[in-house]
C-alpha atoms as a PDB file:
ATOM      1  CA  MET A   1      -8.134  12.684   1.573  1.00  0.00           C
ATOM      2  CA  GLN A   2      -5.341  11.051   3.443  1.00  0.00           C
ATOM      3  CA  GLU A   3      -3.229  12.965   6.054  1.00  0.00           C
ATOM      4  CA  TYR A   4       0.248  12.905   5.662  1.00  0.00           C
ATOM      5  CA  LYS A   5       3.072  13.263   8.252  1.00  0.00           C
ATOM      6  CA  GLU A   6       5.282  16.394   7.808  1.00  0.00           C
ATOM      7  CA  ILE A   7       8.260  14.760   6.809  1.00  0.00           C
ATOM      8  CA  LEU A   8       8.419  11.481   4.219  1.00  0.00           C
ATOM      9  CA  ASN A   9      10.831   9.151   3.092  1.00  0.00           C
ATOM     10  CA  ILE A  10      11.392   8.166  -0.558  1.00  0.00           C
ATOM     11  CA  LYS A  11       8.654   5.417  -0.611  1.00  0.00           C
ATOM     12  CA  GLU A  12       6.132   7.468   1.230  1.00  0.00           C
ATOM     13  CA  ILE A  13       6.800  10.705  -1.572  1.00  0.00           C
ATOM     14  CA  ALA A  14       6.761   8.128  -4.585  1.00  0.00           C
ATOM     15  CA  LYS A  15       3.368   6.992  -3.037  1.00  0.00           C
ATOM     16  CA  TYR A  16       2.075  10.518  -2.522  1.00  0.00           C
ATOM     17  CA  LEU A  17       3.423  11.874  -5.947  1.00  0.00           C
ATOM     18  CA  ASN A  18       2.039   8.569  -7.530  1.00  0.00           C
ATOM     19  CA  CYS A  19       5.019   7.609  -9.097  1.00  0.00           C
ATOM     20  CA  SER A  20       7.737   4.906  -8.608  1.00  0.00           C
ATOM     21  CA  VAL A  21      10.655   5.455  -6.276  1.00  0.00           C
ATOM     22  CA  SER A  22      13.111   5.025  -9.112  1.00  0.00           C
ATOM     23  CA  MET A  23      11.400   8.238 -10.631  1.00  0.00           C
ATOM     24  CA  ILE A  24      11.809   9.962  -7.415  1.00  0.00           C
ATOM     25  CA  ARG A  25      15.570   8.839  -7.364  1.00  0.00           C
ATOM     26  CA  LYS A  26      15.999  10.431 -10.870  1.00  0.00           C
ATOM     27  CA  LEU A  27      14.541  13.540  -9.690  1.00  0.00           C
ATOM     28  CA  ILE A  28      16.921  13.402  -6.975  1.00  0.00           C
ATOM     29  CA  TYR A  29      19.730  12.885  -9.053  1.00  0.00           C
ATOM     30  CA  ASP A  30      18.934  15.516 -11.473  1.00  0.00           C
ATOM     31  CA  ASN A  31      18.179  18.452  -8.374  1.00  0.00           C
ATOM     32  CA  GLN A  32      14.637  18.668  -9.945  1.00  0.00           C
ATOM     33  CA  ILE A  33      12.933  17.885  -6.456  1.00  0.00           C
ATOM     34  CA  PRO A  34      13.285  19.517  -2.631  1.00  0.00           C
ATOM     35  CA  TYR A  35      14.909  17.058  -0.119  1.00  0.00           C
ATOM     36  CA  PHE A  36      17.242  16.907   2.341  1.00  0.00           C
ATOM     37  CA  ARG A  37      19.652  13.893   3.642  1.00  0.00           C
ATOM     38  CA  ILE A  38      20.327  12.370   6.677  1.00  0.00           C
ATOM     39  CA  GLY A  39      23.150  10.028   6.522  1.00  0.00           C
ATOM     40  CA  ASN A  40      22.492   7.819   3.295  1.00  0.00           C
ATOM     41  CA  ARG A  41      18.973   8.515   3.440  1.00  0.00           C
ATOM     42  CA  TYR A  42      16.537  10.983   1.829  1.00  0.00           C
ATOM     43  CA  TYR A  43      13.541  12.849   3.034  1.00  0.00           C
ATOM     44  CA  PHE A  44      11.087  15.239   1.857  1.00  0.00           C
ATOM     45  CA  ASN A  45       9.189  18.290   3.864  1.00  0.00           C
ATOM     46  CA  ILE A  46       5.598  17.654   2.503  1.00  0.00           C
ATOM     47  CA  ILE A  47       4.936  21.712   2.835  1.00  0.00           C
ATOM     48  CA  THR A  48       8.190  22.257   0.590  1.00  0.00           C
ATOM     49  CA  ILE A  49       6.544  19.428  -1.819  1.00  0.00           C
ATOM     50  CA  LYS A  50       3.430  21.223  -1.862  1.00  0.00           C
ATOM     51  CA  ASN A  51       4.773  24.667  -2.761  1.00  0.00           C
ATOM     52  CA  TRP A  52       7.133  22.900  -5.176  1.00  0.00           C
ATOM     53  CA  ILE A  53       4.156  21.282  -7.080  1.00  0.00           C
ATOM     54  CA  SER A  54       2.420  24.769  -6.967  1.00  0.00           C
ATOM     55  CA  ASP A  55       5.103  26.567  -8.278  1.00  0.00           C
ATOM     56  CA  LYS A  56       5.612  23.978 -11.299  1.00  0.00           C
ATOM     57  CA  CYS A  57       1.884  24.307 -12.030  1.00  0.00           C
ATOM     58  CA  ASN A  58       2.044  27.828 -12.051  1.00  0.00           C
ATOM     59  CA  ASN A  59       5.071  28.017 -14.245  1.00  0.00           C
ATOM     60  CA  GLN A  60       3.066  25.729 -16.722  1.00  0.00           C
ATOM     61  CA  MET A  61       0.324  27.907 -16.439  1.00  0.00           C
ATOM     62  CA  GLU A  62       2.198  31.025 -17.233  1.00  0.00           C
ATOM     63  CA  GLY A  63       4.144  29.219 -20.268  1.00  0.00           C
ATOM     64  CA  GLU A  64       0.689  28.397 -21.730  1.00  0.00           C
ATOM     65  CA  MET A  65      -0.598  31.926 -21.608  1.00  0.00           C
ATOM     66  CA  TYR A  66       2.833  33.036 -23.523  1.00  0.00           C
ATOM     67  CA  ASN A  67       2.301  30.126 -25.829  1.00  0.00           C
ATOM     68  CA  GLY A  68      -1.562  29.983 -26.441  1.00  0.00           C
END
């Protein structure tokens, strides 16, 4: 598995999540992904993103348990 640096830019996070840069921009605009800004650039902490993914997966699995 490829190692990633701790802080990623928007192109790197799109590659990491296997989605487009425009999808990342939409998530930012909708405030649905954790990020921080320096000037007019967006950055993502890989540890925070991994935790965010884990939380999303856990919430989805809990919803399936209640609906299933």
